[in-house]
Amino acid sequence: MADEQLTPIAPTRVAQELKALSDGRASGKFDKDEYEHRFSRMISELRDRRIAGTRAEIMAALTPLKVAGTVTDTDWMRLVKQLGLG
């Protein structure tokens, strides 16, 4: 179904998923390899489906996670770069 258009994901949903992933890493639920696998898969899915909204709306939803320290600076830069937001 290559012609089927996937529904874009809301910025708030992306933030929720990123928070859950980061929380899982911090709590020990995911080891380094599992976290890496899930993070990479999330990026791939976001590229395929896209994020709904403008760059400003997306960054407004994601920035609080960086400010609060939920997401490491390294993962933040990786996310922003790989999604073409920075």
C-alpha atoms as a PDB file:
ATOM      1  CA  MET A   1       0.000   0.000   0.000  1.00  0.00           C
ATOM      2  CA  ALA A   2       2.603   2.493  -1.072  1.00  0.00           C
ATOM      3  CA  ASP A   3      -0.114   4.951  -2.132  1.00  0.00           C
ATOM      4  CA  GLU A   4      -1.737   4.970   1.301  1.00  0.00           C
ATOM      5  CA  GLN A   5      -1.054   8.234   3.079  1.00  0.00           C
ATOM      6  CA  LEU A   6      -0.277   7.913   6.770  1.00  0.00           C
ATOM      7  CA  THR A   7      -1.816  10.310   9.272  1.00  0.00           C
ATOM      8  CA  PRO A   8       0.720  12.768  10.729  1.00  0.00           C
ATOM      9  CA  ILE A   9       1.394  12.492  14.447  1.00  0.00           C
ATOM     10  CA  ALA A  10       0.454  15.355  16.787  1.00  0.00           C
ATOM     11  CA  PRO A  11       3.413  17.099  18.459  1.00  0.00           C
ATOM     12  CA  THR A  12       1.961  16.349  21.904  1.00  0.00           C
ATOM     13  CA  ARG A  13       1.898  12.632  21.075  1.00  0.00           C
ATOM     14  CA  VAL A  14       5.556  12.783  20.035  1.00  0.00           C
ATOM     15  CA  ALA A  15       6.400  14.463  23.337  1.00  0.00           C
ATOM     16  CA  GLN A  16       4.471  11.801  25.287  1.00  0.00           C
ATOM     17  CA  GLU A  17       6.261   8.969  23.509  1.00  0.00           C
ATOM     18  CA  LEU A  18       9.662  10.594  23.959  1.00  0.00           C
ATOM     19  CA  LYS A  19       8.952  11.122  27.667  1.00  0.00           C
ATOM     20  CA  ALA A  20       7.883   7.490  28.096  1.00  0.00           C
ATOM     21  CA  LEU A  21      11.012   6.314  26.322  1.00  0.00           C
ATOM     22  CA  SER A  22      13.283   8.546  28.387  1.00  0.00           C
ATOM     23  CA  ASP A  23      11.523   7.561  31.621  1.00  0.00           C
ATOM     24  CA  GLY A  24      11.992   3.891  30.721  1.00  0.00           C
ATOM     25  CA  ARG A  25      15.682   4.451  30.241  1.00  0.00           C
ATOM     26  CA  ALA A  26      16.047   6.366  33.506  1.00  0.00           C
ATOM     27  CA  SER A  27      14.154   3.735  35.501  1.00  0.00           C
ATOM     28  CA  GLY A  28      16.168   0.864  34.061  1.00  0.00           C
ATOM     29  CA  LYS A  29      13.224  -0.592  32.152  1.00  0.00           C
ATOM     30  CA  PHE A  30      15.282  -0.336  28.940  1.00  0.00           C
ATOM     31  CA  ASP A  31      18.955  -1.192  28.789  1.00  0.00           C
ATOM     32  CA  LYS A  32      21.215   0.800  26.465  1.00  0.00           C
ATOM     33  CA  ASP A  33      20.599  -1.430  23.443  1.00  0.00           C
ATOM     34  CA  GLU A  34      16.825  -1.590  23.897  1.00  0.00           C
ATOM     35  CA  TYR A  35      16.663   2.176  24.343  1.00  0.00           C
ATOM     36  CA  GLU A  36      18.744   2.710  21.204  1.00  0.00           C
ATOM     37  CA  HIS A  37      16.513   0.350  19.232  1.00  0.00           C
ATOM     38  CA  ARG A  38      13.315   2.053  20.385  1.00  0.00           C
ATOM     39  CA  PHE A  39      14.712   5.559  19.855  1.00  0.00           C
ATOM     40  CA  SER A  40      15.827   4.702  16.307  1.00  0.00           C
ATOM     41  CA  ARG A  41      12.490   3.077  15.519  1.00  0.00           C
ATOM     42  CA  MET A  42      10.663   6.167  16.793  1.00  0.00           C
ATOM     43  CA  ILE A  43      12.727   8.413  14.504  1.00  0.00           C
ATOM     44  CA  SER A  44      12.016   6.154  11.507  1.00  0.00           C
ATOM     45  CA  GLU A  45       8.286   6.138  12.192  1.00  0.00           C
ATOM     46  CA  LEU A  46       8.234   9.911  12.592  1.00  0.00           C
ATOM     47  CA  ARG A  47      10.000  10.325   9.255  1.00  0.00           C
ATOM     48  CA  ASP A  48       7.459   8.037   7.586  1.00  0.00           C
ATOM     49  CA  ARG A  49       4.362   9.559   9.169  1.00  0.00           C
ATOM     50  CA  ARG A  50       5.596  13.123   9.744  1.00  0.00           C
ATOM     51  CA  ILE A  51       4.693  15.363  12.650  1.00  0.00           C
ATOM     52  CA  ALA A  52       1.629  17.565  12.289  1.00  0.00           C
ATOM     53  CA  GLY A  53       2.063  21.288  12.821  1.00  0.00           C
ATOM     54  CA  THR A  54       4.668  23.910  12.198  1.00  0.00           C
ATOM     55  CA  ARG A  55       8.257  23.792  13.370  1.00  0.00           C
ATOM     56  CA  ALA A  56       7.358  26.242  16.155  1.00  0.00           C
ATOM     57  CA  GLU A  57       4.474  24.029  17.361  1.00  0.00           C
ATOM     58  CA  ILE A  58       6.653  20.932  17.319  1.00  0.00           C
ATOM     59  CA  MET A  59       9.482  22.624  19.193  1.00  0.00           C
ATOM     60  CA  ALA A  60       7.004  24.081  21.720  1.00  0.00           C
ATOM     61  CA  ALA A  61       5.799  20.563  22.528  1.00  0.00           C
ATOM     62  CA  LEU A  62       9.288  19.030  22.728  1.00  0.00           C
ATOM     63  CA  THR A  63      11.352  21.793  24.366  1.00  0.00           C
ATOM     64  CA  PRO A  64       9.912  21.314  27.886  1.00  0.00           C
ATOM     65  CA  LEU A  65      11.362  17.789  27.883  1.00  0.00           C
ATOM     66  CA  LYS A  66      14.835  19.188  27.298  1.00  0.00           C
ATOM     67  CA  VAL A  67      14.410  22.003  29.812  1.00  0.00           C
ATOM     68  CA  ALA A  68      13.205  19.577  32.499  1.00  0.00           C
ATOM     69  CA  GLY A  69      16.119  17.240  31.819  1.00  0.00           C
ATOM     70  CA  THR A  70      13.813  14.402  30.774  1.00  0.00           C
ATOM     71  CA  VAL A  71      15.760  14.059  27.523  1.00  0.00           C
ATOM     72  CA  THR A  72      19.558  14.218  27.521  1.00  0.00           C
ATOM     73  CA  ASP A  73      21.273  16.916  25.495  1.00  0.00           C
ATOM     74  CA  THR A  74      22.771  14.234  23.251  1.00  0.00           C
ATOM     75  CA  ASP A  75      19.391  12.646  22.513  1.00  0.00           C
ATOM     76  CA  TRP A  76      17.815  16.077  22.059  1.00  0.00           C
ATOM     77  CA  MET A  77      20.365  17.094  19.429  1.00  0.00           C
ATOM     78  CA  ARG A  78      20.017  13.746  17.707  1.00  0.00           C
ATOM     79  CA  LEU A  79      16.222  13.996  17.609  1.00  0.00           C
ATOM     80  CA  VAL A  80      16.198  17.562  16.326  1.00  0.00           C
ATOM     81  CA  LYS A  81      18.873  16.893  13.717  1.00  0.00           C
ATOM     82  CA  GLN A  82      17.406  13.640  12.409  1.00  0.00           C
ATOM     83  CA  LEU A  83      13.939  15.127  12.114  1.00  0.00           C
ATOM     84  CA  GLY A  84      15.306  18.175  10.294  1.00  0.00           C
ATOM     85  CA  LEU A  85      14.141  20.606  12.976  1.00  0.00           C
ATOM     86  CA  GLY A  86      17.447  22.234  13.764  1.00  0.00           C
END
